[in-house]
mmCIF file of all heavy atoms, coordinates in Angstrom:
data_MODEL
# 
_entry.id   MODEL 
# 
loop_
_atom_site.group_PDB 
_atom_site.id 
_atom_site.type_symbol 
_atom_site.label_atom_id 
_atom_site.label_alt_id 
_atom_site.label_comp_id 
_atom_site.label_asym_id 
_atom_site.label_entity_id 
_atom_site.label_seq_id 
_atom_site.pdbx_PDB_ins_code 
_atom_site.Cartn_x 
_atom_site.Cartn_y 
_atom_site.Cartn_z 
_atom_site.occupancy 
_atom_site.B_iso_or_equiv 
_atom_site.pdbx_formal_charge 
_atom_site.auth_seq_id 
_atom_site.auth_comp_id 
_atom_site.auth_asym_id 
_atom_site.auth_atom_id 
_atom_site.pdbx_PDB_model_num 
ATOM 1   N N   . GLY A 1 1  ? -1.954  -4.492 5.365  1.00 0.00 ? 1  GLY A N   1 
ATOM 2   C CA  . GLY A 1 1  ? -2.994  -5.414 5.803  1.00 0.00 ? 1  GLY A CA  1 
ATOM 3   C C   . GLY A 1 1  ? -4.122  -5.539 4.795  1.00 0.00 ? 1  GLY A C   1 
ATOM 4   O O   . GLY A 1 1  ? -4.299  -4.678 3.926  1.00 0.00 ? 1  GLY A O   1 
ATOM 5   N N   . SER A 1 2  ? -4.891  -6.593 4.927  1.00 0.00 ? 2  SER A N   1 
ATOM 6   C CA  . SER A 1 2  ? -6.001  -6.860 4.003  1.00 0.00 ? 2  SER A CA  1 
ATOM 7   C C   . SER A 1 2  ? -6.995  -5.702 3.933  1.00 0.00 ? 2  SER A C   1 
ATOM 8   O O   . SER A 1 2  ? -7.537  -5.397 2.878  1.00 0.00 ? 2  SER A O   1 
ATOM 9   C CB  . SER A 1 2  ? -6.746  -8.124 4.428  1.00 0.00 ? 2  SER A CB  1 
ATOM 10  O OG  . SER A 1 2  ? -5.913  -9.252 4.301  1.00 0.00 ? 2  SER A OG  1 
ATOM 11  N N   . GLY A 1 3  ? -7.244  -5.070 5.090  1.00 0.00 ? 3  GLY A N   1 
ATOM 12  C CA  . GLY A 1 3  ? -8.206  -3.981 5.136  1.00 0.00 ? 3  GLY A CA  1 
ATOM 13  C C   . GLY A 1 3  ? -7.774  -2.790 4.296  1.00 0.00 ? 3  GLY A C   1 
ATOM 14  O O   . GLY A 1 3  ? -8.602  -1.989 3.851  1.00 0.00 ? 3  GLY A O   1 
ATOM 15  N N   . GLU A 1 4  ? -6.465  -2.675 4.067  1.00 0.00 ? 4  GLU A N   1 
ATOM 16  C CA  . GLU A 1 4  ? -5.927  -1.557 3.288  1.00 0.00 ? 4  GLU A CA  1 
ATOM 17  C C   . GLU A 1 4  ? -5.666  -1.942 1.839  1.00 0.00 ? 4  GLU A C   1 
ATOM 18  O O   . GLU A 1 4  ? -5.235  -1.112 1.050  1.00 0.00 ? 4  GLU A O   1 
ATOM 19  C CB  . GLU A 1 4  ? -4.612  -1.048 3.920  1.00 0.00 ? 4  GLU A CB  1 
ATOM 20  C CG  . GLU A 1 4  ? -4.813  -0.227 5.191  1.00 0.00 ? 4  GLU A CG  1 
ATOM 21  C CD  . GLU A 1 4  ? -5.434  -1.047 6.318  1.00 0.00 ? 4  GLU A CD  1 
ATOM 22  O OE1 . GLU A 1 4  ? -4.897  -2.119 6.668  1.00 0.00 ? 4  GLU A OE1 1 
ATOM 23  O OE2 . GLU A 1 4  ? -6.480  -0.624 6.835  1.00 0.00 ? 4  GLU A OE2 1 
ATOM 24  N N   . CYS A 1 5  ? -5.902  -3.207 1.479  1.00 0.00 ? 5  CYS A N   1 
ATOM 25  C CA  . CYS A 1 5  ? -5.587  -3.682 0.125  1.00 0.00 ? 5  CYS A CA  1 
ATOM 26  C C   . CYS A 1 5  ? -6.333  -2.885 -0.944 1.00 0.00 ? 5  CYS A C   1 
ATOM 27  O O   . CYS A 1 5  ? -5.817  -2.665 -2.044 1.00 0.00 ? 5  CYS A O   1 
ATOM 28  C CB  . CYS A 1 5  ? -5.920  -5.172 0.013  1.00 0.00 ? 5  CYS A CB  1 
ATOM 29  S SG  . CYS A 1 5  ? -5.571  -5.906 -1.592 1.00 0.00 ? 5  CYS A SG  1 
ATOM 30  N N   . ASN A 1 6  ? -7.554  -2.453 -0.616 1.00 0.00 ? 6  ASN A N   1 
ATOM 31  C CA  . ASN A 1 6  ? -8.305  -1.658 -1.592 1.00 0.00 ? 6  ASN A CA  1 
ATOM 32  C C   . ASN A 1 6  ? -8.390  -0.184 -1.191 1.00 0.00 ? 6  ASN A C   1 
ATOM 33  O O   . ASN A 1 6  ? -9.200  0.575  -1.718 1.00 0.00 ? 6  ASN A O   1 
ATOM 34  C CB  . ASN A 1 6  ? -9.705  -2.250 -1.825 1.00 0.00 ? 6  ASN A CB  1 
ATOM 35  C CG  . ASN A 1 6  ? -10.520 -2.305 -0.538 1.00 0.00 ? 6  ASN A CG  1 
ATOM 36  O OD1 . ASN A 1 6  ? -10.118 -1.737 0.479  1.00 0.00 ? 6  ASN A OD1 1 
ATOM 37  N ND2 . ASN A 1 6  ? -11.661 -2.974 -0.575 1.00 0.00 ? 6  ASN A ND2 1 
ATOM 38  N N   . ASN A 1 7  ? -7.519  0.207  -0.258 1.00 0.00 ? 7  ASN A N   1 
ATOM 39  C CA  . ASN A 1 7  ? -7.426  1.614  0.144  1.00 0.00 ? 7  ASN A CA  1 
ATOM 40  C C   . ASN A 1 7  ? -6.392  2.262  -0.777 1.00 0.00 ? 7  ASN A C   1 
ATOM 41  O O   . ASN A 1 7  ? -5.243  2.495  -0.400 1.00 0.00 ? 7  ASN A O   1 
ATOM 42  C CB  . ASN A 1 7  ? -7.020  1.698  1.618  1.00 0.00 ? 7  ASN A CB  1 
ATOM 43  C CG  . ASN A 1 7  ? -6.948  3.130  2.136  1.00 0.00 ? 7  ASN A CG  1 
ATOM 44  O OD1 . ASN A 1 7  ? -6.928  4.085  1.355  1.00 0.00 ? 7  ASN A OD1 1 
ATOM 45  N ND2 . ASN A 1 7  ? -6.889  3.276  3.445  1.00 0.00 ? 7  ASN A ND2 1 
ATOM 46  N N   . TYR A 1 8  ? -6.815  2.502  -2.018 1.00 0.00 ? 8  TYR A N   1 
ATOM 47  C CA  . TYR A 1 8  ? -5.865  2.917  -3.057 1.00 0.00 ? 8  TYR A CA  1 
ATOM 48  C C   . TYR A 1 8  ? -5.165  4.246  -2.759 1.00 0.00 ? 8  TYR A C   1 
ATOM 49  O O   . TYR A 1 8  ? -3.972  4.375  -3.055 1.00 0.00 ? 8  TYR A O   1 
ATOM 50  C CB  . TYR A 1 8  ? -6.540  2.906  -4.436 1.00 0.00 ? 8  TYR A CB  1 
ATOM 51  C CG  . TYR A 1 8  ? -7.198  1.568  -4.738 1.00 0.00 ? 8  TYR A CG  1 
ATOM 52  C CD1 . TYR A 1 8  ? -8.559  1.465  -4.965 1.00 0.00 ? 8  TYR A CD1 1 
ATOM 53  C CD2 . TYR A 1 8  ? -6.441  0.389  -4.743 1.00 0.00 ? 8  TYR A CD2 1 
ATOM 54  C CE1 . TYR A 1 8  ? -9.157  0.224  -5.202 1.00 0.00 ? 8  TYR A CE1 1 
ATOM 55  C CE2 . TYR A 1 8  ? -7.032  -0.850 -4.978 1.00 0.00 ? 8  TYR A CE2 1 
ATOM 56  C CZ  . TYR A 1 8  ? -8.390  -0.924 -5.207 1.00 0.00 ? 8  TYR A CZ  1 
ATOM 57  O OH  . TYR A 1 8  ? -8.970  -2.147 -5.430 1.00 0.00 ? 8  TYR A OH  1 
ATOM 58  N N   . PRO A 1 9  ? -5.830  5.234  -2.123 1.00 0.00 ? 9  PRO A N   1 
ATOM 59  C CA  . PRO A 1 9  ? -5.102  6.460  -1.783 1.00 0.00 ? 9  PRO A CA  1 
ATOM 60  C C   . PRO A 1 9  ? -3.910  6.178  -0.845 1.00 0.00 ? 9  PRO A C   1 
ATOM 61  O O   . PRO A 1 9  ? -2.823  6.735  -1.023 1.00 0.00 ? 9  PRO A O   1 
ATOM 62  C CB  . PRO A 1 9  ? -6.152  7.327  -1.088 1.00 0.00 ? 9  PRO A CB  1 
ATOM 63  C CG  . PRO A 1 9  ? -7.475  6.808  -1.587 1.00 0.00 ? 9  PRO A CG  1 
ATOM 64  C CD  . PRO A 1 9  ? -7.263  5.329  -1.826 1.00 0.00 ? 9  PRO A CD  1 
ATOM 65  N N   . LEU A 1 10 ? -4.130  5.293  0.142  1.00 0.00 ? 10 LEU A N   1 
ATOM 66  C CA  . LEU A 1 10 ? -3.038  4.958  1.068  1.00 0.00 ? 10 LEU A CA  1 
ATOM 67  C C   . LEU A 1 10 ? -1.943  4.165  0.342  1.00 0.00 ? 10 LEU A C   1 
ATOM 68  O O   . LEU A 1 10 ? -0.742  4.414  0.553  1.00 0.00 ? 10 LEU A O   1 
ATOM 69  C CB  . LEU A 1 10 ? -3.573  4.164  2.272  1.00 0.00 ? 10 LEU A CB  1 
ATOM 70  C CG  . LEU A 1 10 ? -2.526  3.795  3.333  1.00 0.00 ? 10 LEU A CG  1 
ATOM 71  C CD1 . LEU A 1 10 ? -1.854  5.045  3.911  1.00 0.00 ? 10 LEU A CD1 1 
ATOM 72  C CD2 . LEU A 1 10 ? -3.143  2.974  4.461  1.00 0.00 ? 10 LEU A CD2 1 
ATOM 73  N N   . LEU A 1 11 ? -2.337  3.233  -0.531 1.00 0.00 ? 11 LEU A N   1 
ATOM 74  C CA  . LEU A 1 11 ? -1.341  2.450  -1.283 1.00 0.00 ? 11 LEU A CA  1 
ATOM 75  C C   . LEU A 1 11 ? -0.486  3.375  -2.148 1.00 0.00 ? 11 LEU A C   1 
ATOM 76  O O   . LEU A 1 11 ? 0.733   3.212  -2.246 1.00 0.00 ? 11 LEU A O   1 
ATOM 77  C CB  . LEU A 1 11 ? -2.018  1.390  -2.163 1.00 0.00 ? 11 LEU A CB  1 
ATOM 78  C CG  . LEU A 1 11 ? -2.899  0.348  -1.460 1.00 0.00 ? 11 LEU A CG  1 
ATOM 79  C CD1 . LEU A 1 11 ? -3.300  -0.757 -2.432 1.00 0.00 ? 11 LEU A CD1 1 
ATOM 80  C CD2 . LEU A 1 11 ? -2.218  -0.239 -0.235 1.00 0.00 ? 11 LEU A CD2 1 
ATOM 81  N N   . GLU A 1 12 ? -1.141  4.333  -2.772 1.00 0.00 ? 12 GLU A N   1 
ATOM 82  C CA  . GLU A 1 12 ? -0.449  5.319  -3.613 1.00 0.00 ? 12 GLU A CA  1 
ATOM 83  C C   . GLU A 1 12 ? 0.591   6.069  -2.774 1.00 0.00 ? 12 GLU A C   1 
ATOM 84  O O   . GLU A 1 12 ? 1.735   6.274  -3.188 1.00 0.00 ? 12 GLU A O   1 
ATOM 85  C CB  . GLU A 1 12 ? -1.502  6.296  -4.167 1.00 0.00 ? 12 GLU A CB  1 
ATOM 86  C CG  . GLU A 1 12 ? -1.031  7.195  -5.278 1.00 0.00 ? 12 GLU A CG  1 
ATOM 87  C CD  . GLU A 1 12 ? -0.940  6.504  -6.626 1.00 0.00 ? 12 GLU A CD  1 
ATOM 88  O OE1 . GLU A 1 12 ? -1.914  5.856  -7.063 1.00 0.00 ? 12 GLU A OE1 1 
ATOM 89  O OE2 . GLU A 1 12 ? 0.141   6.615  -7.233 1.00 0.00 ? 12 GLU A OE2 1 
ATOM 90  N N   . HIS A 1 13 ? 0.178   6.460  -1.579 1.00 0.00 ? 13 HIS A N   1 
ATOM 91  C CA  . HIS A 1 13 ? 1.060   7.190  -0.660 1.00 0.00 ? 13 HIS A CA  1 
ATOM 92  C C   . HIS A 1 13 ? 2.287   6.339  -0.285 1.00 0.00 ? 13 HIS A C   1 
ATOM 93  O O   . HIS A 1 13 ? 3.427   6.808  -0.329 1.00 0.00 ? 13 HIS A O   1 
ATOM 94  C CB  . HIS A 1 13 ? 0.268   7.573  0.597  1.00 0.00 ? 13 HIS A CB  1 
ATOM 95  C CG  . HIS A 1 13 ? 1.029   8.443  1.546  1.00 0.00 ? 13 HIS A CG  1 
ATOM 96  N ND1 . HIS A 1 13 ? 1.296   9.778  1.300  1.00 0.00 ? 13 HIS A ND1 1 
ATOM 97  C CD2 . HIS A 1 13 ? 1.606   8.166  2.749  1.00 0.00 ? 13 HIS A CD2 1 
ATOM 98  C CE1 . HIS A 1 13 ? 1.997   10.280 2.308  1.00 0.00 ? 13 HIS A CE1 1 
ATOM 99  N NE2 . HIS A 1 13 ? 2.190   9.315  3.198  1.00 0.00 ? 13 HIS A NE2 1 
ATOM 100 N N   . ILE A 1 14 ? 2.041   5.063  0.038  1.00 0.00 ? 14 ILE A N   1 
ATOM 101 C CA  . ILE A 1 14 ? 3.131   4.164  0.451  1.00 0.00 ? 14 ILE A CA  1 
ATOM 102 C C   . ILE A 1 14 ? 4.037   3.834  -0.739 1.00 0.00 ? 14 ILE A C   1 
ATOM 103 O O   . ILE A 1 14 ? 5.263   3.748  -0.592 1.00 0.00 ? 14 ILE A O   1 
ATOM 104 C CB  . ILE A 1 14 ? 2.542   2.883  1.088  1.00 0.00 ? 14 ILE A CB  1 
ATOM 105 C CG1 . ILE A 1 14 ? 1.873   3.223  2.422  1.00 0.00 ? 14 ILE A CG1 1 
ATOM 106 C CG2 . ILE A 1 14 ? 3.636   1.823  1.301  1.00 0.00 ? 14 ILE A CG2 1 
ATOM 107 C CD1 . ILE A 1 14 ? 1.016   2.109  2.999  1.00 0.00 ? 14 ILE A CD1 1 
ATOM 108 N N   . ALA A 1 15 ? 3.443   3.675  -1.909 1.00 0.00 ? 15 ALA A N   1 
ATOM 109 C CA  . ALA A 1 15 ? 4.223   3.323  -3.108 1.00 0.00 ? 15 ALA A CA  1 
ATOM 110 C C   . ALA A 1 15 ? 5.274   4.388  -3.419 1.00 0.00 ? 15 ALA A C   1 
ATOM 111 O O   . ALA A 1 15 ? 6.351   4.079  -3.937 1.00 0.00 ? 15 ALA A O   1 
ATOM 112 C CB  . ALA A 1 15 ? 3.302   3.121  -4.303 1.00 0.00 ? 15 ALA A CB  1 
ATOM 113 N N   . GLN A 1 16 ? 4.971   5.633  -3.083 1.00 0.00 ? 16 GLN A N   1 
ATOM 114 C CA  . GLN A 1 16 ? 5.903   6.728  -3.365 1.00 0.00 ? 16 GLN A CA  1 
ATOM 115 C C   . GLN A 1 16 ? 7.210   6.592  -2.592 1.00 0.00 ? 16 GLN A C   1 
ATOM 116 O O   . GLN A 1 16 ? 8.223   7.179  -2.968 1.00 0.00 ? 16 GLN A O   1 
ATOM 117 C CB  . GLN A 1 16 ? 5.245   8.084  -3.041 1.00 0.00 ? 16 GLN A CB  1 
ATOM 118 C CG  . GLN A 1 16 ? 4.169   8.448  -4.047 1.00 0.00 ? 16 GLN A CG  1 
ATOM 119 C CD  . GLN A 1 16 ? 3.265   9.568  -3.561 1.00 0.00 ? 16 GLN A CD  1 
ATOM 120 O OE1 . GLN A 1 16 ? 3.579   10.263 -2.598 1.00 0.00 ? 16 GLN A OE1 1 
ATOM 121 N NE2 . GLN A 1 16 ? 2.133   9.739  -4.230 1.00 0.00 ? 16 GLN A NE2 1 
ATOM 122 N N   . PHE A 1 17 ? 7.196   5.810  -1.516 1.00 0.00 ? 17 PHE A N   1 
ATOM 123 C CA  . PHE A 1 17 ? 8.429   5.623  -0.736 1.00 0.00 ? 17 PHE A CA  1 
ATOM 124 C C   . PHE A 1 17 ? 9.429   4.721  -1.470 1.00 0.00 ? 17 PHE A C   1 
ATOM 125 O O   . PHE A 1 17 ? 10.612  4.680  -1.137 1.00 0.00 ? 17 PHE A O   1 
ATOM 126 C CB  . PHE A 1 17 ? 8.128   5.027  0.649  1.00 0.00 ? 17 PHE A CB  1 
ATOM 127 C CG  . PHE A 1 17 ? 7.210   5.865  1.495  1.00 0.00 ? 17 PHE A CG  1 
ATOM 128 C CD1 . PHE A 1 17 ? 6.268   5.262  2.319  1.00 0.00 ? 17 PHE A CD1 1 
ATOM 129 C CD2 . PHE A 1 17 ? 7.278   7.257  1.485  1.00 0.00 ? 17 PHE A CD2 1 
ATOM 130 C CE1 . PHE A 1 17 ? 5.413   6.022  3.125  1.00 0.00 ? 17 PHE A CE1 1 
ATOM 131 C CE2 . PHE A 1 17 ? 6.425   8.031  2.283  1.00 0.00 ? 17 PHE A CE2 1 
ATOM 132 C CZ  . PHE A 1 17 ? 5.493   7.405  3.100  1.00 0.00 ? 17 PHE A CZ  1 
ATOM 133 N N   . GLY A 1 18 ? 8.929   3.921  -2.421 1.00 0.00 ? 18 GLY A N   1 
ATOM 134 C CA  . GLY A 1 18 ? 9.823   3.071  -3.210 1.00 0.00 ? 18 GLY A CA  1 
ATOM 135 C C   . GLY A 1 18 ? 10.373  1.849  -2.493 1.00 0.00 ? 18 GLY A C   1 
ATOM 136 O O   . GLY A 1 18 ? 11.302  1.205  -2.970 1.00 0.00 ? 18 GLY A O   1 
ATOM 137 N N   . LYS A 1 19 ? 9.782   1.492  -1.349 1.00 0.00 ? 19 LYS A N   1 
ATOM 138 C CA  . LYS A 1 19 ? 10.269  0.337  -0.579 1.00 0.00 ? 19 LYS A CA  1 
ATOM 139 C C   . LYS A 1 19 ? 9.474   -0.907 -0.971 1.00 0.00 ? 19 LYS A C   1 
ATOM 140 O O   . LYS A 1 19 ? 8.308   -0.800 -1.353 1.00 0.00 ? 19 LYS A O   1 
ATOM 141 C CB  . LYS A 1 19 ? 10.086  0.595  0.927  1.00 0.00 ? 19 LYS A CB  1 
ATOM 142 C CG  . LYS A 1 19 ? 10.726  1.895  1.437  1.00 0.00 ? 19 LYS A CG  1 
ATOM 143 C CD  . LYS A 1 19 ? 12.108  1.644  2.012  1.00 0.00 ? 19 LYS A CD  1 
ATOM 144 C CE  . LYS A 1 19 ? 12.748  2.923  2.536  1.00 0.00 ? 19 LYS A CE  1 
ATOM 145 N NZ  . LYS A 1 19 ? 12.170  3.345  3.831  1.00 0.00 ? 19 LYS A NZ  1 
ATOM 146 N N   . PRO A 1 20 ? 10.071  -2.108 -0.815 1.00 0.00 ? 20 PRO A N   1 
ATOM 147 C CA  . PRO A 1 20 ? 9.315   -3.339 -1.106 1.00 0.00 ? 20 PRO A CA  1 
ATOM 148 C C   . PRO A 1 20 ? 8.066   -3.431 -0.226 1.00 0.00 ? 20 PRO A C   1 
ATOM 149 O O   . PRO A 1 20 ? 8.070   -2.951 0.913  1.00 0.00 ? 20 PRO A O   1 
ATOM 150 C CB  . PRO A 1 20 ? 10.292  -4.464 -0.765 1.00 0.00 ? 20 PRO A CB  1 
ATOM 151 C CG  . PRO A 1 20 ? 11.631  -3.833 -0.677 1.00 0.00 ? 20 PRO A CG  1 
ATOM 152 C CD  . PRO A 1 20 ? 11.431  -2.388 -0.353 1.00 0.00 ? 20 PRO A CD  1 
ATOM 153 N N   . VAL A 1 21 ? 7.041   -4.064 -0.769 1.00 0.00 ? 21 VAL A N   1 
ATOM 154 C CA  . VAL A 1 21 ? 5.758   -4.169 -0.070 1.00 0.00 ? 21 VAL A CA  1 
ATOM 155 C C   . VAL A 1 21 ? 5.318   -5.631 -0.030 1.00 0.00 ? 21 VAL A C   1 
ATOM 156 O O   . VAL A 1 21 ? 5.454   -6.365 -1.008 1.00 0.00 ? 21 VAL A O   1 
ATOM 157 C CB  . VAL A 1 21 ? 4.699   -3.310 -0.805 1.00 0.00 ? 21 VAL A CB  1 
ATOM 158 C CG1 . VAL A 1 21 ? 3.283   -3.727 -0.410 1.00 0.00 ? 21 VAL A CG1 1 
ATOM 159 C CG2 . VAL A 1 21 ? 4.930   -1.830 -0.525 1.00 0.00 ? 21 VAL A CG2 1 
ATOM 160 N N   . ILE A 1 22 ? 4.809   -6.043 1.131  1.00 0.00 ? 22 ILE A N   1 
ATOM 161 C CA  . ILE A 1 22 ? 4.151   -7.350 1.261  1.00 0.00 ? 22 ILE A CA  1 
ATOM 162 C C   . ILE A 1 22 ? 2.679   -7.034 1.506  1.00 0.00 ? 22 ILE A C   1 
ATOM 163 O O   . ILE A 1 22 ? 2.337   -6.397 2.509  1.00 0.00 ? 22 ILE A O   1 
ATOM 164 C CB  . ILE A 1 22 ? 4.750   -8.171 2.417  1.00 0.00 ? 22 ILE A CB  1 
ATOM 165 C CG1 . ILE A 1 22 ? 6.234   -8.456 2.160  1.00 0.00 ? 22 ILE A CG1 1 
ATOM 166 C CG2 . ILE A 1 22 ? 3.985   -9.484 2.591  1.00 0.00 ? 22 ILE A CG2 1 
ATOM 167 C CD1 . ILE A 1 22 ? 6.979   -9.039 3.362  1.00 0.00 ? 22 ILE A CD1 1 
ATOM 168 N N   . LEU A 1 23 ? 1.834   -7.448 0.571  1.00 0.00 ? 23 LEU A N   1 
ATOM 169 C CA  . LEU A 1 23 ? 0.430   -7.044 0.578  1.00 0.00 ? 23 LEU A CA  1 
ATOM 170 C C   . LEU A 1 23 ? -0.485  -8.220 0.909  1.00 0.00 ? 23 LEU A C   1 
ATOM 171 O O   . LEU A 1 23 ? -0.520  -9.213 0.187  1.00 0.00 ? 23 LEU A O   1 
ATOM 172 C CB  . LEU A 1 23 ? 0.078   -6.483 -0.807 1.00 0.00 ? 23 LEU A CB  1 
ATOM 173 C CG  . LEU A 1 23 ? -1.369  -6.062 -1.067 1.00 0.00 ? 23 LEU A CG  1 
ATOM 174 C CD1 . LEU A 1 23 ? -1.748  -4.845 -0.217 1.00 0.00 ? 23 LEU A CD1 1 
ATOM 175 C CD2 . LEU A 1 23 ? -1.575  -5.745 -2.555 1.00 0.00 ? 23 LEU A CD2 1 
ATOM 176 N N   . SER A 1 24 ? -1.227  -8.099 2.001  1.00 0.00 ? 24 SER A N   1 
ATOM 177 C CA  . SER A 1 24 ? -2.254  -9.099 2.306  1.00 0.00 ? 24 SER A CA  1 
ATOM 178 C C   . SER A 1 24 ? -3.503  -8.774 1.503  1.00 0.00 ? 24 SER A C   1 
ATOM 179 O O   . SER A 1 24 ? -3.856  -7.610 1.328  1.00 0.00 ? 24 SER A O   1 
ATOM 180 C CB  . SER A 1 24 ? -2.575  -9.110 3.801  1.00 0.00 ? 24 SER A CB  1 
ATOM 181 O OG  . SER A 1 24 ? -1.674  -9.946 4.494  1.00 0.00 ? 24 SER A OG  1 
# 
């Protein structure tokens, strides 16, 4: 979600899963 777009610690955590992401 848009609110998490600049939540870089959370993005880093999700990126580690290696799954495609749709980013608002």
